[in-house]
Amino acid sequence: MKTDEKRYFRDSNFQLCNFLYAQGEKLVNVDSLEGGIKEFVFVKDDRLEELKEKFLFGDKDDPDLMVQVKVYEEARRQLLSFIKDNGFGRKF
């Protein structure tokens, strides 16, 4: 495993990344891959791993999966803005 893989979680699944971002997980970059695919890069921690597993495989009524619509929508707008700006090329 690369050192990078221990520190960062990378994924191009927009719905998952939107959920993680709306839950307050730390997004550090948006990378451009071949074919125009965007990959979101988050700081990896135990909470992120837990939320990812719940999002992908959890019970739909799990309280951790509940996000206020306004928060979710704002996260979606911001991620789409990062994509439109071609990744933003800066760390934040």
C-alpha atoms as a PDB file:
ATOM      1  CA  MET A   1       0.000   0.000   0.000  1.00  0.00           C
ATOM      2  CA  LYS A   2       1.312   3.410  -0.908  1.00  0.00           C
ATOM      3  CA  THR A   3       1.795   5.929   1.898  1.00  0.00           C
ATOM      4  CA  ASP A   4      -0.697   8.168   0.095  1.00  0.00           C
ATOM      5  CA  GLU A   5      -3.364   5.457   0.389  1.00  0.00           C
ATOM      6  CA  LYS A   6      -2.932   5.379   4.153  1.00  0.00           C
ATOM      7  CA  ARG A   7      -3.511   9.120   4.468  1.00  0.00           C
ATOM      8  CA  TYR A   8      -6.101   9.820   1.781  1.00  0.00           C
ATOM      9  CA  PHE A   9      -9.330   8.324   0.503  1.00  0.00           C
ATOM     10  CA  ARG A  10      -9.903   8.819  -3.227  1.00  0.00           C
ATOM     11  CA  ASP A  11     -13.116   8.138  -5.120  1.00  0.00           C
ATOM     12  CA  SER A  12     -14.969   9.296  -8.212  1.00  0.00           C
ATOM     13  CA  ASN A  13     -18.449   8.288  -6.974  1.00  0.00           C
ATOM     14  CA  PHE A  14     -20.114  11.703  -6.856  1.00  0.00           C
ATOM     15  CA  GLN A  15     -23.017  10.656  -4.615  1.00  0.00           C
ATOM     16  CA  LEU A  16     -20.708   9.075  -2.039  1.00  0.00           C
ATOM     17  CA  CYS A  17     -18.318  12.026  -2.071  1.00  0.00           C
ATOM     18  CA  ASN A  18     -21.189  14.490  -1.818  1.00  0.00           C
ATOM     19  CA  PHE A  19     -22.466  12.624   1.234  1.00  0.00           C
ATOM     20  CA  LEU A  20     -19.025  12.567   2.860  1.00  0.00           C
ATOM     21  CA  TYR A  21     -18.492  16.264   2.161  1.00  0.00           C
ATOM     22  CA  ALA A  22     -21.949  17.125   3.529  1.00  0.00           C
ATOM     23  CA  GLN A  23     -21.074  15.159   6.679  1.00  0.00           C
ATOM     24  CA  GLY A  24     -18.058  17.404   7.210  1.00  0.00           C
ATOM     25  CA  GLU A  25     -15.295  15.129   5.989  1.00  0.00           C
ATOM     26  CA  LYS A  26     -12.157  17.039   4.952  1.00  0.00           C
ATOM     27  CA  LEU A  27     -11.827  17.352   1.169  1.00  0.00           C
ATOM     28  CA  VAL A  28      -8.254  18.233   0.205  1.00  0.00           C
ATOM     29  CA  ASN A  29      -8.325  18.144  -3.594  1.00  0.00           C
ATOM     30  CA  VAL A  30     -10.170  17.211  -6.756  1.00  0.00           C
ATOM     31  CA  ASP A  31      -7.929  15.436  -9.251  1.00  0.00           C
ATOM     32  CA  SER A  32      -8.556  15.142 -12.983  1.00  0.00           C
ATOM     33  CA  LEU A  33      -8.085  11.661 -14.388  1.00  0.00           C
ATOM     34  CA  GLU A  34      -7.998  10.413 -17.965  1.00  0.00           C
ATOM     35  CA  GLY A  35     -11.287  10.664 -19.800  1.00  0.00           C
ATOM     36  CA  GLY A  36     -12.446  13.704 -17.846  1.00  0.00           C
ATOM     37  CA  ILE A  37     -13.158  11.734 -14.682  1.00  0.00           C
ATOM     38  CA  LYS A  38     -12.845  13.697 -11.450  1.00  0.00           C
ATOM     39  CA  GLU A  39     -11.521  12.030  -8.318  1.00  0.00           C
ATOM     40  CA  PHE A  40     -12.278  13.553  -4.935  1.00  0.00           C
ATOM     41  CA  VAL A  41      -9.509  13.288  -2.339  1.00  0.00           C
ATOM     42  CA  PHE A  42     -10.399  13.243   1.363  1.00  0.00           C
ATOM     43  CA  VAL A  43      -8.290  12.907   4.492  1.00  0.00           C
ATOM     44  CA  LYS A  44      -8.781   9.312   5.611  1.00  0.00           C
ATOM     45  CA  ASP A  45      -9.905   8.723   9.189  1.00  0.00           C
ATOM     46  CA  ASP A  46     -12.052   6.261  11.109  1.00  0.00           C
ATOM     47  CA  ARG A  47     -15.212   8.375  10.791  1.00  0.00           C
ATOM     48  CA  LEU A  48     -14.839   8.607   7.006  1.00  0.00           C
ATOM     49  CA  GLU A  49     -14.437   4.830   6.755  1.00  0.00           C
ATOM     50  CA  GLU A  50     -17.512   4.319   8.937  1.00  0.00           C
ATOM     51  CA  LEU A  51     -19.623   6.754   6.911  1.00  0.00           C
ATOM     52  CA  LYS A  52     -18.459   5.201   3.624  1.00  0.00           C
ATOM     53  CA  GLU A  53     -19.460   1.710   4.764  1.00  0.00           C
ATOM     54  CA  LYS A  54     -22.834   2.934   6.018  1.00  0.00           C
ATOM     55  CA  PHE A  55     -23.500   4.818   2.773  1.00  0.00           C
ATOM     56  CA  LEU A  56     -22.624   1.827   0.605  1.00  0.00           C
ATOM     57  CA  PHE A  57     -23.986  -1.035   2.709  1.00  0.00           C
ATOM     58  CA  GLY A  58     -25.908   0.360   5.676  1.00  0.00           C
ATOM     59  CA  ASP A  59     -29.568   0.327   6.586  1.00  0.00           C
ATOM     60  CA  LYS A  60     -31.470   3.174   4.943  1.00  0.00           C
ATOM     61  CA  ASP A  61     -32.914   4.202   8.319  1.00  0.00           C
ATOM     62  CA  ASP A  62     -29.518   4.615  10.004  1.00  0.00           C
ATOM     63  CA  PRO A  63     -29.444   8.094  11.617  1.00  0.00           C
ATOM     64  CA  ASP A  64     -25.854   8.619  10.389  1.00  0.00           C
ATOM     65  CA  LEU A  65     -27.187   8.566   6.823  1.00  0.00           C
ATOM     66  CA  MET A  66     -29.570  11.437   7.468  1.00  0.00           C
ATOM     67  CA  VAL A  67     -28.346  14.801   6.163  1.00  0.00           C
ATOM     68  CA  GLN A  68     -30.322  18.010   6.120  1.00  0.00           C
ATOM     69  CA  VAL A  69     -31.400  18.767   2.576  1.00  0.00           C
ATOM     70  CA  LYS A  70     -29.964  22.279   2.630  1.00  0.00           C
ATOM     71  CA  VAL A  71     -26.554  21.021   3.814  1.00  0.00           C
ATOM     72  CA  TYR A  72     -26.547  18.230   1.210  1.00  0.00           C
ATOM     73  CA  GLU A  73     -27.522  20.622  -1.579  1.00  0.00           C
ATOM     74  CA  GLU A  74     -24.856  23.164  -0.603  1.00  0.00           C
ATOM     75  CA  ALA A  75     -22.217  20.410  -0.596  1.00  0.00           C
ATOM     76  CA  ARG A  76     -23.422  19.319  -4.052  1.00  0.00           C
ATOM     77  CA  ARG A  77     -23.173  22.872  -5.387  1.00  0.00           C
ATOM     78  CA  GLN A  78     -19.659  23.282  -4.043  1.00  0.00           C
ATOM     79  CA  LEU A  79     -18.453  19.960  -5.492  1.00  0.00           C
ATOM     80  CA  LEU A  80     -19.943  20.807  -8.883  1.00  0.00           C
ATOM     81  CA  SER A  81     -18.212  24.177  -8.718  1.00  0.00           C
ATOM     82  CA  PHE A  82     -14.881  22.451  -8.031  1.00  0.00           C
ATOM     83  CA  ILE A  83     -15.475  20.194 -11.051  1.00  0.00           C
ATOM     84  CA  LYS A  84     -16.410  23.134 -13.257  1.00  0.00           C
ATOM     85  CA  ASP A  85     -13.285  24.996 -12.160  1.00  0.00           C
ATOM     86  CA  ASN A  86     -11.299  21.968 -13.324  1.00  0.00           C
ATOM     87  CA  GLY A  87     -10.396  20.701  -9.905  1.00  0.00           C
ATOM     88  CA  PHE A  88      -9.234  24.046  -8.495  1.00  0.00           C
ATOM     89  CA  GLY A  89      -5.557  22.993  -8.493  1.00  0.00           C
ATOM     90  CA  ARG A  90      -5.097  24.143  -4.924  1.00  0.00           C
ATOM     91  CA  LYS A  91      -5.249  22.415  -1.598  1.00  0.00           C
ATOM     92  CA  PHE A  92      -7.693  23.694   0.955  1.00  0.00           C
END
